[in-house]
Amino acid sequence: MYSSAVLLLLVVRLALRPMNQGLESVGSATPWGLYVDTIYRPTVLPLLASSTRKNYECILRKHLNPLVGEMALRDLNTITLQKYFSGLRAGHSSAMKIKDALSSVLGSAVRFQMLVRNPIEGIQIPLPRTGKRIKPHLTPEQFELLVNAMAEPYATMVYVCVMSGLRVSELIGLKWDDVHSDSLTIDERYCRGDWGCPKTSASNAPVGVDPRVIARIHQLKGMEVTINWGGKGATKTFKVVRSDAPGDLVFQSLRSGVPMSDHNILSRHIKPAARKLGLPWMNWQVLRRSYGTWMVEAGADPKAVQAQMRHSRISTTMDIYAQFVPAAQKRAVAQMSQMIDSRRSKQEETRVM
């Protein structure tokens, strides 16, 4: 029979074995809620974009905190998490967002050496219940109608967005020293109150544009617009560009010169014009997607499209190809049809003879 002291020693050794073997760290015993409140929220969340912070906070409150409770970080192993995602009733898109937020929390615990590895790695998300939907994009003809249906400077914003493939945050953060004779420099973005670097390192790159894009931007200088101001039909005239110093914004709020609101531009100017043209699905993503789709339709090399769209992964760029059937596939279908028709004709001739 073992003495109580020997049994205690064995228990301690078994408990410490994963740590001694490098399979667990001392901090892995930290409860989830304590880690999120004292480390993740004050240390990691402030470094994220404001929209991402809001999304992650919502997911923590509605999904992760009720799920995890006061479990220790080390208890969130791959099997436990896989069971959760396998039984999740949320849609594929929601599951991906939950996974991203969970990966952010656990990934930070790995960086801070409280976990040895991120258990979210290798987790599989249930497949979508529906097939991949074709995402809408503008045709060149629809694009021209949309631009002509809008007032300035919003028409030029749409024109630049589509003809350069800029993200809306990059468009709003564009400054005059970023505008060159045949390109735009993308080194900042503005997203709902926050200034920051471009979305990824691949996004921080110059974008080649048609000279007509540059010319249209410069046409904003000296342009004036008249808008409703006050009651009883009163109006007021504003300069579209208050100042064009190198560090000034290209697209400035008419009333105050501060950065514009992407939501207000979309809801007050782009969507109303698009609805009149029978394009109810219009948004900022559609404008950027249209640019990439046109490049593909024009026969551009996929790697060139990736560089112009500033995607970190070619797989993201390749998603654009799903928006239409390539000419090569159409030719293959036509050749097959010709072969079938030719054989039928020969068969008919044989029967007649």
Protein backbone atom coordinates (compact mmCIF):
# COMPACT_ATOMS: atom_id res chain seq x y z
CA MET A 1 0.00 0.00 0.00
CA TYR A 2 1.24 3.44 -0.88
CA SER A 3 1.35 6.10 1.81
CA SER A 4 -0.68 9.29 1.38
CA ALA A 5 2.54 11.24 0.83
CA VAL A 6 3.57 8.98 -2.05
CA LEU A 7 0.10 9.20 -3.61
CA LEU A 8 0.18 12.98 -3.35
CA LEU A 9 3.58 13.04 -5.04
CA LEU A 10 2.29 10.87 -7.89
CA VAL A 11 -0.71 13.15 -8.39
CA VAL A 12 1.52 16.22 -8.50
CA ARG A 13 3.84 14.56 -11.00
CA LEU A 14 0.92 13.59 -13.23
CA ALA A 15 -0.42 17.14 -13.06
CA LEU A 16 2.96 18.64 -13.86
CA ARG A 17 3.91 16.16 -16.58
CA PRO A 18 2.18 18.06 -19.44
CA MET A 19 3.98 21.25 -18.35
CA ASN A 20 7.34 19.52 -17.99
CA GLN A 21 6.93 17.98 -21.43
CA GLY A 22 6.00 21.33 -22.98
CA LEU A 23 2.42 20.26 -23.69
CA GLU A 24 0.89 22.89 -21.39
CA SER A 25 1.97 26.18 -19.90
CA VAL A 26 1.44 27.45 -16.37
CA GLY A 27 -1.02 30.10 -17.59
CA SER A 28 -3.26 27.50 -19.25
CA ALA A 29 -5.14 27.10 -15.95
CA THR A 30 -6.42 30.69 -16.22
CA PRO A 31 -10.24 30.80 -16.47
CA TRP A 32 -11.60 31.99 -19.83
CA GLY A 33 -13.58 34.88 -18.36
CA LEU A 34 -10.63 36.16 -16.34
CA TYR A 35 -8.34 36.04 -19.37
CA VAL A 36 -10.83 37.84 -21.62
CA ASP A 37 -11.58 40.59 -19.07
CA THR A 38 -8.06 41.25 -17.78
CA ILE A 39 -5.84 40.54 -20.79
CA TYR A 40 -7.68 40.18 -24.12
CA ARG A 41 -10.01 43.17 -23.84
CA PRO A 42 -7.47 45.77 -22.63
CA THR A 43 -4.49 44.41 -24.62
CA VAL A 44 -5.68 42.93 -27.93
CA LEU A 45 -9.08 44.46 -28.79
CA PRO A 46 -7.83 48.09 -28.88
CA LEU A 47 -5.44 47.14 -31.70
CA LEU A 48 -8.27 45.93 -33.96
CA ALA A 49 -10.41 48.03 -36.30
CA SER A 50 -13.49 49.50 -34.66
CA SER A 51 -15.86 47.38 -36.76
CA THR A 52 -13.93 44.21 -35.82
CA ARG A 53 -13.98 45.17 -32.13
CA LYS A 54 -17.75 45.58 -32.20
CA ASN A 55 -18.23 42.24 -33.96
CA TYR A 56 -15.95 40.37 -31.55
CA GLU A 57 -17.57 41.96 -28.48
CA CYS A 58 -20.98 40.91 -29.75
CA ILE A 59 -19.80 37.34 -30.39
CA LEU A 60 -18.14 37.14 -26.96
CA ARG A 61 -21.33 38.29 -25.26
CA LYS A 62 -23.85 36.21 -27.24
CA HIS A 63 -21.93 33.02 -28.03
CA LEU A 64 -18.54 32.44 -26.45
CA ASN A 65 -18.96 33.60 -22.85
CA PRO A 66 -22.18 31.56 -22.32
CA LEU A 67 -20.50 28.55 -23.97
CA VAL A 68 -17.18 28.63 -22.16
CA GLY A 69 -18.22 30.07 -18.82
CA GLU A 70 -15.39 29.70 -16.34
CA MET A 71 -13.61 26.85 -18.12
CA ALA A 72 -9.82 27.04 -18.02
CA LEU A 73 -8.02 27.86 -21.24
CA ARG A 74 -6.47 24.40 -21.34
CA ASP A 75 -9.93 22.79 -21.23
CA LEU A 76 -10.73 24.32 -24.63
CA ASN A 77 -9.09 21.51 -26.57
CA THR A 78 -9.69 20.69 -30.22
CA ILE A 79 -12.17 17.89 -29.47
CA THR A 80 -14.31 20.11 -27.22
CA LEU A 81 -14.38 22.91 -29.78
CA GLN A 82 -15.10 20.55 -32.67
CA LYS A 83 -18.11 19.13 -30.81
CA TYR A 84 -19.39 22.68 -30.33
CA PHE A 85 -19.06 23.64 -34.01
CA SER A 86 -20.42 20.27 -35.21
CA GLY A 87 -23.60 20.87 -33.18
CA LEU A 88 -23.88 24.57 -33.97
CA ARG A 89 -27.22 25.46 -35.54
CA ALA A 90 -26.05 28.81 -36.87
CA GLY A 91 -25.44 29.31 -40.58
CA HIS A 92 -22.05 28.85 -42.19
CA SER A 93 -21.31 32.59 -42.24
CA SER A 94 -22.14 32.98 -38.52
CA ALA A 95 -20.04 29.92 -37.66
CA MET A 96 -17.06 31.42 -39.49
CA LYS A 97 -17.41 34.67 -37.53
CA ILE A 98 -17.56 32.79 -34.22
CA LYS A 99 -14.50 30.80 -35.23
CA ASP A 100 -12.60 33.99 -36.14
CA ALA A 101 -13.38 35.59 -32.77
CA LEU A 102 -12.46 32.44 -30.87
CA SER A 103 -9.23 32.14 -32.85
CA SER A 104 -8.37 35.73 -32.00
CA VAL A 105 -8.74 35.11 -28.25
CA LEU A 106 -6.92 31.78 -28.18
CA GLY A 107 -4.28 32.97 -30.63
CA SER A 108 -3.45 35.86 -28.32
CA ALA A 109 -3.13 33.37 -25.43
CA VAL A 110 -0.53 31.51 -27.49
CA ARG A 111 1.38 34.75 -28.17
CA PHE A 112 1.38 35.55 -24.45
CA GLN A 113 2.64 32.01 -23.71
CA MET A 114 -0.46 30.99 -21.78
CA LEU A 115 -1.17 28.23 -24.28
CA VAL A 116 1.29 26.11 -26.22
CA ARG A 117 -0.85 25.94 -29.37
CA ASN A 118 -4.11 27.32 -30.66
CA PRO A 119 -6.72 24.52 -30.39
CA ILE A 120 -8.87 26.17 -33.07
CA GLU A 121 -6.38 24.99 -35.69
CA GLY A 122 -7.81 22.02 -37.55
CA ILE A 123 -11.42 22.77 -36.56
CA GLN A 124 -13.87 22.09 -39.38
CA ILE A 125 -16.92 24.25 -39.92
CA PRO A 126 -20.11 22.59 -41.21
CA LEU A 127 -20.57 23.14 -44.92
CA PRO A 128 -23.12 25.74 -46.07
CA ARG A 129 -26.64 24.42 -46.56
CA THR A 130 -26.82 26.06 -49.97
CA GLY A 131 -24.37 26.16 -52.85
CA LYS A 132 -22.19 29.14 -53.60
CA ARG A 133 -24.32 32.01 -54.79
CA ILE A 134 -23.26 34.16 -57.70
CA LYS A 135 -22.33 37.56 -56.31
CA PRO A 136 -23.69 40.51 -58.29
CA HIS A 137 -21.51 42.98 -60.13
CA LEU A 138 -22.13 45.93 -62.41
CA THR A 139 -21.87 45.81 -66.16
CA PRO A 140 -20.01 48.73 -67.77
CA GLU A 141 -23.35 50.01 -69.06
CA GLN A 142 -24.94 49.92 -65.58
CA PHE A 143 -21.87 51.63 -64.16
CA GLU A 144 -22.18 54.55 -66.57
CA LEU A 145 -25.89 54.96 -65.79
CA LEU A 146 -25.22 54.91 -62.06
CA VAL A 147 -22.50 57.54 -62.19
CA ASN A 148 -24.63 59.82 -64.38
CA ALA A 149 -27.57 59.49 -61.95
CA MET A 150 -25.59 60.79 -58.96
CA ALA A 151 -24.54 64.24 -57.79
CA GLU A 152 -20.97 65.29 -57.08
CA PRO A 153 -18.73 64.51 -55.32
CA TYR A 154 -20.45 61.15 -54.79
CA ALA A 155 -20.49 60.34 -58.51
CA THR A 156 -16.72 60.74 -58.63
CA MET A 157 -16.34 58.58 -55.52
CA VAL A 158 -18.23 55.77 -57.25
CA TYR A 159 -16.21 56.32 -60.43
CA VAL A 160 -12.88 56.12 -58.60
CA CYS A 161 -13.98 53.16 -56.49
CA VAL A 162 -14.98 51.08 -59.52
CA MET A 163 -12.14 52.16 -61.82
CA SER A 164 -9.42 51.58 -59.22
CA GLY A 165 -10.83 48.76 -57.08
CA LEU A 166 -10.28 50.66 -53.83
CA ARG A 167 -11.96 49.53 -50.64
CA VAL A 168 -14.31 52.17 -49.25
CA SER A 169 -12.05 52.80 -46.24
CA GLU A 170 -9.13 53.45 -48.63
CA LEU A 171 -11.28 55.71 -50.80
CA ILE A 172 -12.39 57.84 -47.86
CA GLY A 173 -8.82 58.02 -46.52
CA LEU A 174 -7.31 59.06 -49.87
CA LYS A 175 -5.26 62.27 -49.69
CA TRP A 176 -3.95 64.59 -52.38
CA ASP A 177 -0.35 63.47 -51.97
CA ASP A 178 -1.57 59.93 -52.80
CA VAL A 179 -2.73 61.03 -56.26
CA HIS A 180 -0.14 60.70 -59.04
CA SER A 181 -0.20 60.92 -62.83
CA ASP A 182 -1.09 57.25 -63.40
CA SER A 183 -1.46 55.69 -59.95
CA LEU A 184 -2.85 56.05 -56.43
CA THR A 185 -0.80 55.33 -53.30
CA ILE A 186 -2.66 53.31 -50.67
CA ASP A 187 -0.96 53.79 -47.30
CA GLU A 188 -3.86 54.74 -45.00
CA ARG A 189 -7.50 53.97 -44.49
CA TYR A 190 -10.33 55.56 -42.53
CA CYS A 191 -13.05 53.34 -41.06
CA ARG A 192 -15.84 54.95 -39.04
CA GLY A 193 -13.76 57.13 -36.80
CA ASP A 194 -10.50 55.18 -36.91
CA TRP A 195 -7.40 55.93 -38.97
CA GLY A 196 -5.13 52.99 -39.62
CA CYS A 197 -2.90 51.08 -42.00
CA PRO A 198 -4.40 49.25 -45.00
CA LYS A 199 -6.19 45.97 -44.32
CA THR A 200 -3.16 43.76 -45.02
CA SER A 201 0.50 44.20 -45.97
CA ALA A 202 -0.46 43.35 -49.56
CA SER A 203 -2.99 46.21 -49.49
CA ASN A 204 -0.24 48.75 -48.74
CA ALA A 205 0.78 49.21 -52.37
CA PRO A 206 0.34 51.63 -55.29
CA VAL A 207 -2.57 51.01 -57.65
CA GLY A 208 -2.24 51.73 -61.35
CA VAL A 209 -5.22 53.61 -62.79
CA ASP A 210 -6.36 54.99 -66.12
CA PRO A 211 -5.39 58.68 -66.59
CA ARG A 212 -9.09 59.49 -66.82
CA VAL A 213 -9.44 58.55 -63.14
CA ILE A 214 -6.77 61.07 -62.18
CA ALA A 215 -8.35 63.72 -64.41
CA ARG A 216 -11.75 63.19 -62.84
CA ILE A 217 -10.29 63.53 -59.34
CA HIS A 218 -8.63 66.84 -60.23
CA GLN A 219 -11.88 68.13 -61.71
CA LEU A 220 -13.24 68.31 -58.16
CA LYS A 221 -11.00 71.29 -57.48
CA GLY A 222 -12.92 74.48 -58.03
CA MET A 223 -16.23 72.62 -58.28
CA GLU A 224 -19.17 73.93 -56.24
CA VAL A 225 -22.42 72.23 -55.30
CA THR A 226 -25.66 73.62 -53.91
CA ILE A 227 -27.58 71.62 -51.31
CA ASN A 228 -30.69 72.12 -49.18
CA TRP A 229 -29.86 74.10 -46.06
CA GLY A 230 -32.45 74.90 -43.42
CA GLY A 231 -36.20 75.10 -43.92
CA LYS A 232 -38.51 76.66 -46.50
CA GLY A 233 -36.43 75.54 -49.46
CA ALA A 234 -33.28 77.39 -48.38
CA THR A 235 -30.06 76.31 -50.09
CA LYS A 236 -26.34 76.83 -49.58
CA THR A 237 -23.37 76.49 -51.92
CA PHE A 238 -20.21 74.66 -50.87
CA LYS A 239 -16.83 74.05 -52.43
CA VAL A 240 -16.33 70.34 -53.07
CA VAL A 241 -12.64 70.70 -52.19
CA ARG A 242 -11.99 73.21 -49.43
CA SER A 243 -8.23 72.71 -49.50
CA ASP A 244 -5.98 70.59 -51.71
CA ALA A 245 -2.76 70.65 -49.67
CA PRO A 246 -0.78 67.36 -49.85
CA GLY A 247 -2.12 66.09 -46.54
CA ASP A 248 -5.75 67.08 -47.18
CA LEU A 249 -8.48 64.59 -48.04
CA VAL A 250 -9.56 64.21 -51.66
CA PHE A 251 -13.16 63.54 -50.64
CA GLN A 252 -14.19 65.93 -47.87
CA SER A 253 -17.47 66.37 -46.05
CA LEU A 254 -19.24 69.31 -47.68
CA ARG A 255 -20.34 70.82 -44.39
CA SER A 256 -17.17 70.49 -42.31
CA GLY A 257 -14.36 69.07 -44.42
CA VAL A 258 -13.91 66.02 -42.17
CA PRO A 259 -13.79 62.41 -43.47
CA MET A 260 -17.07 61.23 -44.95
CA SER A 261 -19.31 58.48 -43.59
CA ASP A 262 -19.39 55.44 -45.87
CA HIS A 263 -22.80 54.44 -44.46
CA ASN A 264 -24.34 57.85 -45.20
CA ILE A 265 -22.95 57.95 -48.74
CA LEU A 266 -24.31 54.47 -49.44
CA SER A 267 -27.77 55.01 -47.93
CA ARG A 268 -28.36 58.61 -49.05
CA HIS A 269 -26.76 58.71 -52.48
CA ILE A 270 -25.68 55.37 -53.97
CA LYS A 271 -28.61 53.11 -53.05
CA PRO A 272 -31.38 55.59 -54.01
CA ALA A 273 -29.80 56.08 -57.45
CA ALA A 274 -29.26 52.33 -57.85
CA ARG A 275 -32.86 51.48 -56.93
CA LYS A 276 -34.14 53.79 -59.66
CA LEU A 277 -32.00 51.83 -62.12
CA GLY A 278 -33.31 48.48 -60.88
CA LEU A 279 -30.15 47.59 -58.95
CA PRO A 280 -31.37 47.00 -55.36
CA TRP A 281 -28.30 44.89 -54.43
CA MET A 282 -25.85 47.77 -54.76
CA ASN A 283 -23.21 48.27 -52.05
CA TRP A 284 -19.52 49.13 -51.71
CA GLN A 285 -18.46 45.49 -52.17
CA VAL A 286 -20.33 45.31 -55.48
CA LEU A 287 -18.41 48.34 -56.76
CA ARG A 288 -15.02 46.83 -55.91
CA ARG A 289 -16.05 43.39 -57.20
CA SER A 290 -17.09 44.91 -60.52
CA TYR A 291 -13.55 46.20 -61.07
CA GLY A 292 -12.00 42.77 -60.50
CA THR A 293 -14.62 41.03 -62.64
CA TRP A 294 -14.01 43.40 -65.56
CA MET A 295 -10.28 42.74 -65.39
CA VAL A 296 -10.92 39.01 -65.58
CA GLU A 297 -13.39 39.42 -68.45
CA ALA A 298 -10.77 41.48 -70.30
CA GLY A 299 -8.39 38.50 -70.11
CA ALA A 300 -5.99 39.83 -67.45
CA ASP A 301 -3.56 37.38 -65.87
CA PRO A 302 -4.84 36.17 -62.45
CA LYS A 303 -1.61 37.21 -60.70
CA ALA A 304 -1.91 40.69 -62.19
CA VAL A 305 -5.50 40.90 -60.95
CA GLN A 306 -4.36 39.78 -57.49
CA ALA A 307 -1.70 42.51 -57.42
CA GLN A 308 -4.15 45.18 -58.60
CA MET A 309 -6.83 44.09 -56.13
CA ARG A 310 -4.10 43.80 -53.45
CA HIS A 311 -5.25 40.43 -52.16
CA SER A 312 -2.92 38.54 -49.84
CA ARG A 313 -4.03 35.19 -51.28
CA ILE A 314 -4.66 34.21 -54.89
CA SER A 315 -7.64 32.14 -53.67
CA THR A 316 -9.45 35.37 -52.77
CA THR A 317 -8.86 36.70 -56.27
CA MET A 318 -9.95 33.43 -57.86
CA ASP A 319 -13.36 33.81 -56.22
CA ILE A 320 -13.97 36.58 -58.75
CA TYR A 321 -13.81 34.02 -61.54
CA ALA A 322 -16.97 32.39 -60.22
CA GLN A 323 -18.97 35.46 -61.24
CA PHE A 324 -19.16 34.47 -64.92
CA VAL A 325 -18.40 31.68 -67.37
CA PRO A 326 -14.99 32.20 -69.04
CA ALA A 327 -14.82 32.44 -72.83
CA ALA A 328 -12.72 29.25 -72.96
CA GLN A 329 -15.55 27.28 -71.35
CA LYS A 330 -18.08 28.77 -73.74
CA ARG A 331 -15.90 27.73 -76.68
CA ALA A 332 -15.62 24.20 -75.26
CA VAL A 333 -19.42 23.95 -74.93
CA ALA A 334 -19.87 25.24 -78.48
CA GLN A 335 -17.34 22.70 -79.83
CA MET A 336 -19.13 19.86 -78.05
CA SER A 337 -22.47 20.99 -79.48
CA GLN A 338 -20.96 21.12 -82.98
CA MET A 339 -19.61 17.59 -82.56
CA ILE A 340 -23.05 16.30 -81.48
CA ASP A 341 -24.78 18.05 -84.38
CA SER A 342 -22.23 16.66 -86.85
CA ARG A 343 -22.75 13.08 -85.66
CA ARG A 344 -26.51 13.46 -85.77
CA SER A 345 -26.30 14.73 -89.33
CA LYS A 346 -24.19 11.76 -90.38
CA GLN A 347 -26.62 9.38 -88.66
CA GLU A 348 -29.55 10.97 -90.47
CA GLU A 349 -27.73 10.64 -93.81
CA THR A 350 -27.08 6.94 -93.15
CA ARG A 351 -30.75 6.31 -92.39
CA VAL A 352 -31.87 8.03 -95.61
CA MET A 353 -29.49 5.92 -97.67
